[in-house]
Amino acid sequence: VKSLHEAGIEVILDVVYNHTAEGNHLGPTLSFKGLDNQRYYRLVDDD
């Protein structure tokens, strides 16, 4: 970042805050799912 700034070039990040790598009910337990599944993910209301 420092080198690009010295050249007058900005750094913009493509960010993915809409989902995570843990996938659906068949996905792995890597972080959020095991910490507090209910409060990190949108779950189906009636199931």
ModelCIF file with pLDDT and N, C-alpha, C, O atoms, coordinates in Angstrom:
data_MODEL
#
_entry.id   MODEL 
#
_entity.id                         1 
_entity.type                       polymer 
_entity.pdbx_number_of_molecules   1 
#
_entity_poly.entity_id                      1 
_entity_poly.type                           'polypeptide(L)' 
_entity_poly.nstd_linkage                   no 
_entity_poly.nstd_monomer                   no 
_entity_poly.pdbx_seq_one_letter_code       VKSLHEAGIEVILDVVYNHTAEGNHLGPTLSFKGLDNQRYYRLVDDD 
_entity_poly.pdbx_seq_one_letter_code_can   VKSLHEAGIEVILDVVYNHTAEGNHLGPTLSFKGLDNQRYYRLVDDD 
_entity_poly.pdbx_strand_id                 A 
#
loop_
_entity_poly_seq.entity_id 
_entity_poly_seq.num 
_entity_poly_seq.mon_id 
_entity_poly_seq.hetero 
1 1  VAL n 
1 2  LYS n 
1 3  SER n 
1 4  LEU n 
1 5  HIS n 
1 6  GLU n 
1 7  ALA n 
1 8  GLY n 
1 9  ILE n 
1 10 GLU n 
1 11 VAL n 
1 12 ILE n 
1 13 LEU n 
1 14 ASP n 
1 15 VAL n 
1 16 VAL n 
1 17 TYR n 
1 18 ASN n 
1 19 HIS n 
1 20 THR n 
1 21 ALA n 
1 22 GLU n 
1 23 GLY n 
1 24 ASN n 
1 25 HIS n 
1 26 LEU n 
1 27 GLY n 
1 28 PRO n 
1 29 THR n 
1 30 LEU n 
1 31 SER n 
1 32 PHE n 
1 33 LYS n 
1 34 GLY n 
1 35 LEU n 
1 36 ASP n 
1 37 ASN n 
1 38 GLN n 
1 39 ARG n 
1 40 TYR n 
1 41 TYR n 
1 42 ARG n 
1 43 LEU n 
1 44 VAL n 
1 45 ASP n 
1 46 ASP n 
1 47 ASP n 
#
_struct_asym.id          A 
_struct_asym.entity_id   1 
#
loop_
_ma_qa_metric.id 
_ma_qa_metric.mode 
_ma_qa_metric.name 
_ma_qa_metric.software_group_id 
_ma_qa_metric.type 
1 global pLDDT . pLDDT 
2 local  pLDDT . pLDDT 
#
_ma_qa_metric_global.metric_id      1 
_ma_qa_metric_global.metric_value   96.66 
_ma_qa_metric_global.model_id       1 
_ma_qa_metric_global.ordinal_id     1 
#
loop_
_ma_qa_metric_local.label_asym_id 
_ma_qa_metric_local.label_comp_id 
_ma_qa_metric_local.label_seq_id 
_ma_qa_metric_local.metric_id 
_ma_qa_metric_local.metric_value 
_ma_qa_metric_local.model_id 
_ma_qa_metric_local.ordinal_id 
A VAL 1  2 98.00 1 1  
A LYS 2  2 98.00 1 2  
A SER 3  2 98.00 1 3  
A LEU 4  2 98.00 1 4  
A HIS 5  2 98.00 1 5  
A GLU 6  2 98.00 1 6  
A ALA 7  2 98.00 1 7  
A GLY 8  2 98.00 1 8  
A ILE 9  2 98.00 1 9  
A GLU 10 2 98.00 1 10 
A VAL 11 2 98.00 1 11 
A ILE 12 2 98.00 1 12 
A LEU 13 2 98.00 1 13 
A ASP 14 2 97.00 1 14 
A VAL 15 2 96.00 1 15 
A VAL 16 2 94.00 1 16 
A TYR 17 2 91.00 1 17 
A ASN 18 2 88.00 1 18 
A HIS 19 2 92.00 1 19 
A THR 20 2 97.00 1 20 
A ALA 21 2 97.00 1 21 
A GLU 22 2 98.00 1 22 
A GLY 23 2 96.00 1 23 
A ASN 24 2 97.00 1 24 
A HIS 25 2 97.00 1 25 
A LEU 26 2 97.00 1 26 
A GLY 27 2 97.00 1 27 
A PRO 28 2 98.00 1 28 
A THR 29 2 98.00 1 29 
A LEU 30 2 98.00 1 30 
A SER 31 2 98.00 1 31 
A PHE 32 2 98.00 1 32 
A LYS 33 2 98.00 1 33 
A GLY 34 2 98.00 1 34 
A LEU 35 2 98.00 1 35 
A ASP 36 2 98.00 1 36 
A ASN 37 2 98.00 1 37 
A GLN 38 2 97.00 1 38 
A ARG 39 2 97.00 1 39 
A TYR 40 2 97.00 1 40 
A TYR 41 2 96.00 1 41 
A ARG 42 2 93.00 1 42 
A LEU 43 2 96.00 1 43 
A VAL 44 2 95.00 1 44 
A ASP 45 2 92.00 1 45 
A ASP 46 2 95.00 1 46 
A ASP 47 2 97.00 1 47 
#
loop_
_atom_site.group_PDB 
_atom_site.id 
_atom_site.type_symbol 
_atom_site.label_atom_id 
_atom_site.label_alt_id 
_atom_site.label_comp_id 
_atom_site.label_asym_id 
_atom_site.label_entity_id 
_atom_site.label_seq_id 
_atom_site.pdbx_PDB_ins_code 
_atom_site.Cartn_x 
_atom_site.Cartn_y 
_atom_site.Cartn_z 
_atom_site.occupancy 
_atom_site.B_iso_or_equiv 
_atom_site.pdbx_formal_charge 
_atom_site.auth_seq_id 
_atom_site.auth_comp_id 
_atom_site.auth_asym_id 
_atom_site.auth_atom_id 
_atom_site.pdbx_PDB_model_num 
ATOM 1   N N  . VAL A 1 1  ? 0.835   -1.198  0.000  1.00 98.00 ? 1  VAL A N  1 
ATOM 2   C CA . VAL A 1 1  ? 0.000   0.000   0.000  1.00 98.00 ? 1  VAL A CA 1 
ATOM 3   C C  . VAL A 1 1  ? 0.873   1.251   0.000  1.00 98.00 ? 1  VAL A C  1 
ATOM 4   O O  . VAL A 1 1  ? 0.614   2.201   -0.739 1.00 98.00 ? 1  VAL A O  1 
ATOM 5   N N  . LYS A 1 2  ? 1.902   1.240   0.831  1.00 98.00 ? 2  LYS A N  1 
ATOM 6   C CA . LYS A 1 2  ? 2.795   2.396   0.928  1.00 98.00 ? 2  LYS A CA 1 
ATOM 7   C C  . LYS A 1 2  ? 3.458   2.684   -0.417 1.00 98.00 ? 2  LYS A C  1 
ATOM 8   O O  . LYS A 1 2  ? 3.548   3.842   -0.824 1.00 98.00 ? 2  LYS A O  1 
ATOM 9   N N  . SER A 1 3  ? 3.917   1.658   -1.100 1.00 98.00 ? 3  SER A N  1 
ATOM 10  C CA . SER A 1 3  ? 4.571   1.836   -2.402 1.00 98.00 ? 3  SER A CA 1 
ATOM 11  C C  . SER A 1 3  ? 3.606   2.377   -3.451 1.00 98.00 ? 3  SER A C  1 
ATOM 12  O O  . SER A 1 3  ? 3.961   3.265   -4.227 1.00 98.00 ? 3  SER A O  1 
ATOM 13  N N  . LEU A 1 4  ? 2.394   1.849   -3.477 1.00 98.00 ? 4  LEU A N  1 
ATOM 14  C CA . LEU A 1 4  ? 1.408   2.333   -4.450 1.00 98.00 ? 4  LEU A CA 1 
ATOM 15  C C  . LEU A 1 4  ? 1.012   3.767   -4.142 1.00 98.00 ? 4  LEU A C  1 
ATOM 16  O O  . LEU A 1 4  ? 0.837   4.569   -5.060 1.00 98.00 ? 4  LEU A O  1 
ATOM 17  N N  . HIS A 1 5  ? 0.869   4.101   -2.871 1.00 98.00 ? 5  HIS A N  1 
ATOM 18  C CA . HIS A 1 5  ? 0.550   5.482   -2.501 1.00 98.00 ? 5  HIS A CA 1 
ATOM 19  C C  . HIS A 1 5  ? 1.650   6.445   -2.953 1.00 98.00 ? 5  HIS A C  1 
ATOM 20  O O  . HIS A 1 5  ? 1.361   7.549   -3.416 1.00 98.00 ? 5  HIS A O  1 
ATOM 21  N N  . GLU A 1 6  ? 2.900   6.027   -2.820 1.00 98.00 ? 6  GLU A N  1 
ATOM 22  C CA . GLU A 1 6  ? 4.002   6.886   -3.260 1.00 98.00 ? 6  GLU A CA 1 
ATOM 23  C C  . GLU A 1 6  ? 3.902   7.202   -4.747 1.00 98.00 ? 6  GLU A C  1 
ATOM 24  O O  . GLU A 1 6  ? 4.365   8.251   -5.196 1.00 98.00 ? 6  GLU A O  1 
ATOM 25  N N  . ALA A 1 7  ? 3.297   6.294   -5.509 1.00 98.00 ? 7  ALA A N  1 
ATOM 26  C CA . ALA A 1 7  ? 3.104   6.506   -6.946 1.00 98.00 ? 7  ALA A CA 1 
ATOM 27  C C  . ALA A 1 7  ? 1.781   7.196   -7.251 1.00 98.00 ? 7  ALA A C  1 
ATOM 28  O O  . ALA A 1 7  ? 1.436   7.384   -8.417 1.00 98.00 ? 7  ALA A O  1 
ATOM 29  N N  . GLY A 1 8  ? 1.039   7.574   -6.217 1.00 98.00 ? 8  GLY A N  1 
ATOM 30  C CA . GLY A 1 8  ? -0.250  8.237   -6.419 1.00 98.00 ? 8  GLY A CA 1 
ATOM 31  C C  . GLY A 1 8  ? -1.378  7.291   -6.769 1.00 98.00 ? 8  GLY A C  1 
ATOM 32  O O  . GLY A 1 8  ? -2.405  7.717   -7.297 1.00 98.00 ? 8  GLY A O  1 
ATOM 33  N N  . ILE A 1 9  ? -1.200  6.004   -6.479 1.00 98.00 ? 9  ILE A N  1 
ATOM 34  C CA . ILE A 1 9  ? -2.208  5.004   -6.827 1.00 98.00 ? 9  ILE A CA 1 
ATOM 35  C C  . ILE A 1 9  ? -2.935  4.555   -5.566 1.00 98.00 ? 9  ILE A C  1 
ATOM 36  O O  . ILE A 1 9  ? -2.301  4.149   -4.593 1.00 98.00 ? 9  ILE A O  1 
ATOM 37  N N  . GLU A 1 10 ? -4.258  4.628   -5.581 1.00 98.00 ? 10 GLU A N  1 
ATOM 38  C CA . GLU A 1 10 ? -5.074  4.194   -4.456 1.00 98.00 ? 10 GLU A CA 1 
ATOM 39  C C  . GLU A 1 10 ? -5.257  2.682   -4.480 1.00 98.00 ? 10 GLU A C  1 
ATOM 40  O O  . GLU A 1 10 ? -5.103  2.036   -5.516 1.00 98.00 ? 10 GLU A O  1 
ATOM 41  N N  . VAL A 1 11 ? -5.590  2.132   -3.311 1.00 98.00 ? 11 VAL A N  1 
ATOM 42  C CA . VAL A 1 11 ? -5.857  0.702   -3.176 1.00 98.00 ? 11 VAL A CA 1 
ATOM 43  C C  . VAL A 1 11 ? -7.292  0.517   -2.695 1.00 98.00 ? 11 VAL A C  1 
ATOM 44  O O  . VAL A 1 11 ? -7.648  0.947   -1.598 1.00 98.00 ? 11 VAL A O  1 
ATOM 45  N N  . ILE A 1 12 ? -8.109  -0.123  -3.521 1.00 98.00 ? 12 ILE A N  1 
ATOM 46  C CA . ILE A 1 12 ? -9.506  -0.418  -3.206 1.00 98.00 ? 12 ILE A CA 1 
ATOM 47  C C  . ILE A 1 12 ? -9.634  -1.935  -3.080 1.00 98.00 ? 12 ILE A C  1 
ATOM 48  O O  . ILE A 1 12 ? -9.123  -2.674  -3.923 1.00 98.00 ? 12 ILE A O  1 
ATOM 49  N N  . LEU A 1 13 ? -10.309 -2.396  -2.039 1.00 98.00 ? 13 LEU A N  1 
ATOM 50  C CA . LEU A 1 13 ? -10.464 -3.834  -1.818 1.00 98.00 ? 13 LEU A CA 1 
ATOM 51  C C  . LEU A 1 13 ? -11.854 -4.300  -2.203 1.00 98.00 ? 13 LEU A C  1 
ATOM 52  O O  . LEU A 1 13 ? -12.853 -3.678  -1.842 1.00 98.00 ? 13 LEU A O  1 
ATOM 53  N N  . ASP A 1 14 ? -11.909 -5.389  -2.930 1.00 97.00 ? 14 ASP A N  1 
ATOM 54  C CA . ASP A 1 14 ? -13.165 -6.081  -3.214 1.00 97.00 ? 14 ASP A CA 1 
ATOM 55  C C  . ASP A 1 14 ? -13.468 -6.950  -1.993 1.00 97.00 ? 14 ASP A C  1 
ATOM 56  O O  . ASP A 1 14 ? -12.755 -7.917  -1.724 1.00 97.00 ? 14 ASP A O  1 
ATOM 57  N N  . VAL A 1 15 ? -14.524 -6.606  -1.256 1.00 96.00 ? 15 VAL A N  1 
ATOM 58  C CA . VAL A 1 15 ? -14.793 -7.264  0.028  1.00 96.00 ? 15 VAL A CA 1 
ATOM 59  C C  . VAL A 1 15 ? -16.111 -8.033  -0.022 1.00 96.00 ? 15 VAL A C  1 
ATOM 60  O O  . VAL A 1 15 ? -17.053 -7.659  -0.720 1.00 96.00 ? 15 VAL A O  1 
ATOM 61  N N  . VAL A 1 16 ? -16.139 -9.131  0.753  1.00 94.00 ? 16 VAL A N  1 
ATOM 62  C CA . VAL A 1 16 ? -17.257 -10.080 0.691  1.00 94.00 ? 16 VAL A CA 1 
ATOM 63  C C  . VAL A 1 16 ? -17.852 -10.208 2.093  1.00 94.00 ? 16 VAL A C  1 
ATOM 64  O O  . VAL A 1 16 ? -17.546 -11.155 2.818  1.00 94.00 ? 16 VAL A O  1 
ATOM 65  N N  . TYR A 1 17 ? -18.692 -9.262  2.466  1.00 91.00 ? 17 TYR A N  1 
ATOM 66  C CA . TYR A 1 17 ? -19.309 -9.276  3.794  1.00 91.00 ? 17 TYR A CA 1 
ATOM 67  C C  . TYR A 1 17 ? -20.713 -9.878  3.776  1.00 91.00 ? 17 TYR A C  1 
ATOM 68  O O  . TYR A 1 17 ? -21.437 -9.785  4.767  1.00 91.00 ? 17 TYR A O  1 
ATOM 69  N N  . ASN A 1 18 ? -21.094 -10.481 2.683  1.00 88.00 ? 18 ASN A N  1 
ATOM 70  C CA . ASN A 1 18 ? -22.461 -11.003 2.591  1.00 88.00 ? 18 ASN A CA 1 
ATOM 71  C C  . ASN A 1 18 ? -22.571 -12.465 3.019  1.00 88.00 ? 18 ASN A C  1 
ATOM 72  O O  . ASN A 1 18 ? -23.657 -12.917 3.383  1.00 88.00 ? 18 ASN A O  1 
ATOM 73  N N  . HIS A 1 19 ? -21.460 -13.217 2.980  1.00 92.00 ? 19 HIS A N  1 
ATOM 74  C CA . HIS A 1 19 ? -21.490 -14.624 3.379  1.00 92.00 ? 19 HIS A CA 1 
ATOM 75  C C  . HIS A 1 19 ? -20.091 -15.025 3.831  1.00 92.00 ? 19 HIS A C  1 
ATOM 76  O O  . HIS A 1 19 ? -19.156 -14.229 3.749  1.00 92.00 ? 19 HIS A O  1 
ATOM 77  N N  . THR A 1 20 ? -19.948 -16.260 4.308  1.00 97.00 ? 20 THR A N  1 
ATOM 78  C CA . THR A 1 20 ? -18.636 -16.771 4.699  1.00 97.00 ? 20 THR A CA 1 
ATOM 79  C C  . THR A 1 20 ? -18.392 -18.126 4.044  1.00 97.00 ? 20 THR A C  1 
ATOM 80  O O  . THR A 1 20 ? -19.258 -18.665 3.355  1.00 97.00 ? 20 THR A O  1 
ATOM 81  N N  . ALA A 1 21 ? -17.201 -18.661 4.272  1.00 97.00 ? 21 ALA A N  1 
ATOM 82  C CA . ALA A 1 21 ? -16.796 -19.929 3.665  1.00 97.00 ? 21 ALA A CA 1 
ATOM 83  C C  . ALA A 1 21 ? -17.410 -21.142 4.349  1.00 97.00 ? 21 ALA A C  1 
ATOM 84  O O  . ALA A 1 21 ? -17.158 -22.270 3.927  1.00 97.00 ? 21 ALA A O  1 
ATOM 85  N N  . GLU A 1 22 ? -18.220 -20.938 5.409  1.00 98.00 ? 22 GLU A N  1 
ATOM 86  C CA . GLU A 1 22 ? -18.771 -22.091 6.121  1.00 98.00 ? 22 GLU A CA 1 
ATOM 87  C C  . GLU A 1 22 ? -19.975 -22.711 5.424  1.00 98.00 ? 22 GLU A C  1 
ATOM 88  O O  . GLU A 1 22 ? -20.415 -23.797 5.801  1.00 98.00 ? 22 GLU A O  1 
ATOM 89  N N  . GLY A 1 23 ? -20.511 -22.038 4.416  1.00 96.00 ? 23 GLY A N  1 
ATOM 90  C CA . GLY A 1 23 ? -21.574 -22.641 3.623  1.00 96.00 ? 23 GLY A CA 1 
ATOM 91  C C  . GLY A 1 23 ? -22.855 -22.900 4.396  1.00 96.00 ? 23 GLY A C  1 
ATOM 92  O O  . GLY A 1 23 ? -23.123 -22.255 5.410  1.00 96.00 ? 23 GLY A O  1 
ATOM 93  N N  . ASN A 1 24 ? -23.644 -23.850 3.910  1.00 97.00 ? 24 ASN A N  1 
ATOM 94  C CA . ASN A 1 24 ? -24.946 -24.151 4.509  1.00 97.00 ? 24 ASN A CA 1 
ATOM 95  C C  . ASN A 1 24 ? -24.812 -25.257 5.562  1.00 97.00 ? 24 ASN A C  1 
ATOM 96  O O  . ASN A 1 24 ? -23.737 -25.450 6.129  1.00 97.00 ? 24 ASN A O  1 
ATOM 97  N N  . HIS A 1 25 ? -25.902 -25.980 5.821  1.00 97.00 ? 25 HIS A N  1 
ATOM 98  C CA . HIS A 1 25 ? -25.901 -27.010 6.865  1.00 97.00 ? 25 HIS A CA 1 
ATOM 99  C C  . HIS A 1 25 ? -24.954 -28.169 6.547  1.00 97.00 ? 25 HIS A C  1 
ATOM 100 O O  . HIS A 1 25 ? -24.614 -28.958 7.428  1.00 97.00 ? 25 HIS A O  1 
ATOM 101 N N  . LEU A 1 26 ? -24.536 -28.264 5.291  1.00 97.00 ? 26 LEU A N  1 
ATOM 102 C CA . LEU A 1 26 ? -23.588 -29.312 4.914  1.00 97.00 ? 26 LEU A CA 1 
ATOM 103 C C  . LEU A 1 26 ? -22.143 -28.820 4.923  1.00 97.00 ? 26 LEU A C  1 
ATOM 104 O O  . LEU A 1 26 ? -21.222 -29.585 4.638  1.00 97.00 ? 26 LEU A O  1 
ATOM 105 N N  . GLY A 1 27 ? -21.944 -27.545 5.250  1.00 97.00 ? 27 GLY A N  1 
ATOM 106 C CA . GLY A 1 27 ? -20.614 -26.960 5.227  1.00 97.00 ? 27 GLY A CA 1 
ATOM 107 C C  . GLY A 1 27 ? -19.827 -27.244 6.492  1.00 97.00 ? 27 GLY A C  1 
ATOM 108 O O  . GLY A 1 27 ? -20.366 -27.813 7.441  1.00 97.00 ? 27 GLY A O  1 
ATOM 109 N N  . PRO A 1 28 ? -18.545 -26.851 6.519  1.00 98.00 ? 28 PRO A N  1 
ATOM 110 C CA . PRO A 1 28 ? -17.672 -27.126 7.656  1.00 98.00 ? 28 PRO A CA 1 
ATOM 111 C C  . PRO A 1 28 ? -17.949 -26.177 8.824  1.00 98.00 ? 28 PRO A C  1 
ATOM 112 O O  . PRO A 1 28 ? -18.648 -25.175 8.676  1.00 98.00 ? 28 PRO A O  1 
ATOM 113 N N  . THR A 1 29 ? -17.395 -26.510 9.967  1.00 98.00 ? 29 THR A N  1 
ATOM 114 C CA . THR A 1 29 ? -17.433 -25.638 11.142 1.00 98.00 ? 29 THR A CA 1 
ATOM 115 C C  . THR A 1 29 ? -16.027 -25.093 11.337 1.00 98.00 ? 29 THR A C  1 
ATOM 116 O O  . THR A 1 29 ? -15.131 -25.791 11.811 1.00 98.00 ? 29 THR A O  1 
ATOM 117 N N  . LEU A 1 30 ? -15.851 -23.821 10.957 1.00 98.00 ? 30 LEU A N  1 
ATOM 118 C CA . LEU A 1 30 ? -14.523 -23.219 10.940 1.00 98.00 ? 30 LEU A CA 1 
ATOM 119 C C  . LEU A 1 30 ? -14.384 -22.057 11.912 1.00 98.00 ? 30 LEU A C  1 
ATOM 120 O O  . LEU A 1 30 ? -13.297 -21.809 12.435 1.00 98.00 ? 30 LEU A O  1 
ATOM 121 N N  . SER A 1 31 ? -15.498 -21.331 12.161 1.00 98.00 ? 31 SER A N  1 
ATOM 122 C CA . SER A 1 31 ? -15.399 -20.143 13.006 1.00 98.00 ? 31 SER A CA 1 
ATOM 123 C C  . SER A 1 31 ? -16.773 -19.732 13.524 1.00 98.00 ? 31 SER A C  1 
ATOM 124 O O  . SER A 1 31 ? -17.179 -20.139 14.612 1.00 98.00 ? 31 SER A O  1 
ATOM 125 N N  . PHE A 1 32 ? -17.484 -18.928 12.743 1.00 98.00 ? 32 PHE A N  1 
ATOM 126 C CA . PHE A 1 32 ? -18.746 -18.324 13.166 1.00 98.00 ? 32 PHE A CA 1 
ATOM 127 C C  . PHE A 1 32 ? -19.790 -19.371 13.535 1.00 98.00 ? 32 PHE A C  1 
ATOM 128 O O  . PHE A 1 32 ? -20.523 -19.211 14.511 1.00 98.00 ? 32 PHE A O  1 
ATOM 129 N N  . LYS A 1 33 ? -19.851 -20.428 12.761 1.00 98.00 ? 33 LYS A N  1 
ATOM 130 C CA . LYS A 1 33 ? -20.855 -21.474 12.971 1.00 98.00 ? 33 LYS A CA 1 
ATOM 131 C C  . LYS A 1 33 ? -20.695 -22.109 14.348 1.00 98.00 ? 33 LYS A C  1 
ATOM 132 O O  . LYS A 1 33 ? -21.689 -22.409 15.010 1.00 98.00 ? 33 LYS A O  1 
ATOM 133 N N  . GLY A 1 34 ? -19.456 -22.316 14.783 1.00 98.00 ? 34 GLY A N  1 
ATOM 134 C CA . GLY A 1 34 ? -19.209 -22.923 16.078 1.00 98.00 ? 34 GLY A CA 1 
ATOM 135 C C  . GLY A 1 34 ? -19.209 -21.943 17.228 1.00 98.00 ? 34 GLY A C  1 
ATOM 136 O O  . GLY A 1 34 ? -19.371 -22.334 18.384 1.00 98.00 ? 34 GLY A O  1 
ATOM 137 N N  . LEU A 1 35 ? -19.025 -20.653 16.915 1.00 98.00 ? 35 LEU A N  1 
ATOM 138 C CA . LEU A 1 35 ? -19.042 -19.628 17.964 1.00 98.00 ? 35 LEU A CA 1 
ATOM 139 C C  . LEU A 1 35 ? -20.460 -19.286 18.386 1.00 98.00 ? 35 LEU A C  1 
ATOM 140 O O  . LEU A 1 35 ? -20.799 -19.346 19.568 1.00 98.00 ? 35 LEU A O  1 
ATOM 141 N N  . ASP A 1 36 ? -21.293 -18.922 17.403 1.00 98.00 ? 36 ASP A N  1 
ATOM 142 C CA . ASP A 1 36 ? -22.676 -18.554 17.712 1.00 98.00 ? 36 ASP A CA 1 
ATOM 143 C C  . ASP A 1 36 ? -23.473 -18.514 16.410 1.00 98.00 ? 36 ASP A C  1 
ATOM 144 O O  . ASP A 1 36 ? -23.717 -17.449 15.842 1.00 98.00 ? 36 ASP A O  1 
ATOM 145 N N  . ASN A 1 37 ? -23.867 -19.689 15.958 1.00 98.00 ? 37 ASN A N  1 
ATOM 146 C CA . ASN A 1 37 ? -24.514 -19.849 14.664 1.00 98.00 ? 37 ASN A CA 1 
ATOM 147 C C  . ASN A 1 37 ? -25.733 -18.950 14.499 1.00 98.00 ? 37 ASN A C  1 
ATOM 148 O O  . ASN A 1 37 ? -25.934 -18.348 13.444 1.00 98.00 ? 37 ASN A O  1 
ATOM 149 N N  . GLN A 1 38 ? -26.545 -18.866 15.550 1.00 97.00 ? 38 GLN A N  1 
ATOM 150 C CA . GLN A 1 38 ? -27.803 -18.116 15.479 1.00 97.00 ? 38 GLN A CA 1 
ATOM 151 C C  . GLN A 1 38 ? -27.589 -16.625 15.257 1.00 97.00 ? 38 GLN A C  1 
ATOM 152 O O  . GLN A 1 38 ? -28.402 -15.971 14.603 1.00 97.00 ? 38 GLN A O  1 
ATOM 153 N N  . ARG A 1 39 ? -26.499 -16.085 15.797 1.00 97.00 ? 39 ARG A N  1 
ATOM 154 C CA . ARG A 1 39 ? -26.323 -14.635 15.787 1.00 97.00 ? 39 ARG A CA 1 
ATOM 155 C C  . ARG A 1 39 ? -25.406 -14.145 14.680 1.00 97.00 ? 39 ARG A C  1 
ATOM 156 O O  . ARG A 1 39 ? -25.200 -12.941 14.525 1.00 97.00 ? 39 ARG A O  1 
ATOM 157 N N  . TYR A 1 40 ? -24.858 -15.068 13.917 1.00 97.00 ? 40 TYR A N  1 
ATOM 158 C CA . TYR A 1 40 ? -24.039 -14.670 12.772 1.00 97.00 ? 40 TYR A CA 1 
ATOM 159 C C  . TYR A 1 40 ? -24.746 -14.905 11.437 1.00 97.00 ? 40 TYR A C  1 
ATOM 160 O O  . TYR A 1 40 ? -24.481 -14.190 10.472 1.00 97.00 ? 40 TYR A O  1 
ATOM 161 N N  . TYR A 1 41 ? -25.641 -15.896 11.364 1.00 96.00 ? 41 TYR A N  1 
ATOM 162 C CA . TYR A 1 41 ? -26.226 -16.271 10.079 1.00 96.00 ? 41 TYR A CA 1 
ATOM 163 C C  . TYR A 1 41 ? -27.738 -16.097 10.058 1.00 96.00 ? 41 TYR A C  1 
ATOM 164 O O  . TYR A 1 41 ? -28.406 -16.169 11.089 1.00 96.00 ? 41 TYR A O  1 
ATOM 165 N N  . ARG A 1 42 ? -28.260 -15.865 8.851  1.00 93.00 ? 42 ARG A N  1 
ATOM 166 C CA . ARG A 1 42 ? -29.714 -15.852 8.646  1.00 93.00 ? 42 ARG A CA 1 
ATOM 167 C C  . ARG A 1 42 ? -30.181 -17.296 8.516  1.00 93.00 ? 42 ARG A C  1 
ATOM 168 O O  . ARG A 1 42 ? -29.834 -17.985 7.556  1.00 93.00 ? 42 ARG A O  1 
ATOM 169 N N  . LEU A 1 43 ? -30.957 -17.744 9.473  1.00 96.00 ? 43 LEU A N  1 
ATOM 170 C CA . LEU A 1 43 ? -31.486 -19.097 9.446  1.00 96.00 ? 43 LEU A CA 1 
ATOM 171 C C  . LEU A 1 43 ? -32.938 -19.077 8.991  1.00 96.00 ? 43 LEU A C  1 
ATOM 172 O O  . LEU A 1 43 ? -33.622 -18.062 9.126  1.00 96.00 ? 43 LEU A O  1 
ATOM 173 N N  . VAL A 1 44 ? -33.399 -20.181 8.461  1.00 95.00 ? 44 VAL A N  1 
ATOM 174 C CA . VAL A 1 44 ? -34.794 -20.278 8.024  1.00 95.00 ? 44 VAL A CA 1 
ATOM 175 C C  . VAL A 1 44 ? -35.691 -20.214 9.264  1.00 95.00 ? 44 VAL A C  1 
ATOM 176 O O  . VAL A 1 44 ? -35.476 -20.951 10.226 1.00 95.00 ? 44 VAL A O  1 
ATOM 177 N N  . ASP A 1 45 ? -36.693 -19.334 9.239  1.00 92.00 ? 45 ASP A N  1 
ATOM 178 C CA . ASP A 1 45 ? -37.486 -19.049 10.439 1.00 92.00 ? 45 ASP A CA 1 
ATOM 179 C C  . ASP A 1 45 ? -38.132 -20.294 11.035 1.00 92.00 ? 45 ASP A C  1 
ATOM 180 O O  . ASP A 1 45 ? -38.043 -20.525 12.241 1.00 92.00 ? 45 ASP A O  1 
ATOM 181 N N  . ASP A 1 46 ? -38.781 -21.097 10.194 1.00 95.00 ? 46 ASP A N  1 
ATOM 182 C CA . ASP A 1 46 ? -39.532 -22.227 10.733 1.00 95.00 ? 46 ASP A CA 1 
ATOM 183 C C  . ASP A 1 46 ? -38.707 -23.516 10.799 1.00 95.00 ? 46 ASP A C  1 
ATOM 184 O O  . ASP A 1 46 ? -39.211 -24.552 11.232 1.00 95.00 ? 46 ASP A O  1 
ATOM 185 N N  . ASP A 1 47 ? -37.445 -23.454 10.372 1.00 97.00 ? 47 ASP A N  1 
ATOM 186 C CA . ASP A 1 47 ? -36.573 -24.621 10.483 1.00 97.00 ? 47 ASP A CA 1 
ATOM 187 C C  . ASP A 1 47 ? -35.121 -24.150 10.511 1.00 97.00 ? 47 ASP A C  1 
ATOM 188 O O  . ASP A 1 47 ? -34.208 -24.971 10.601 1.00 97.00 ? 47 ASP A O  1 
#
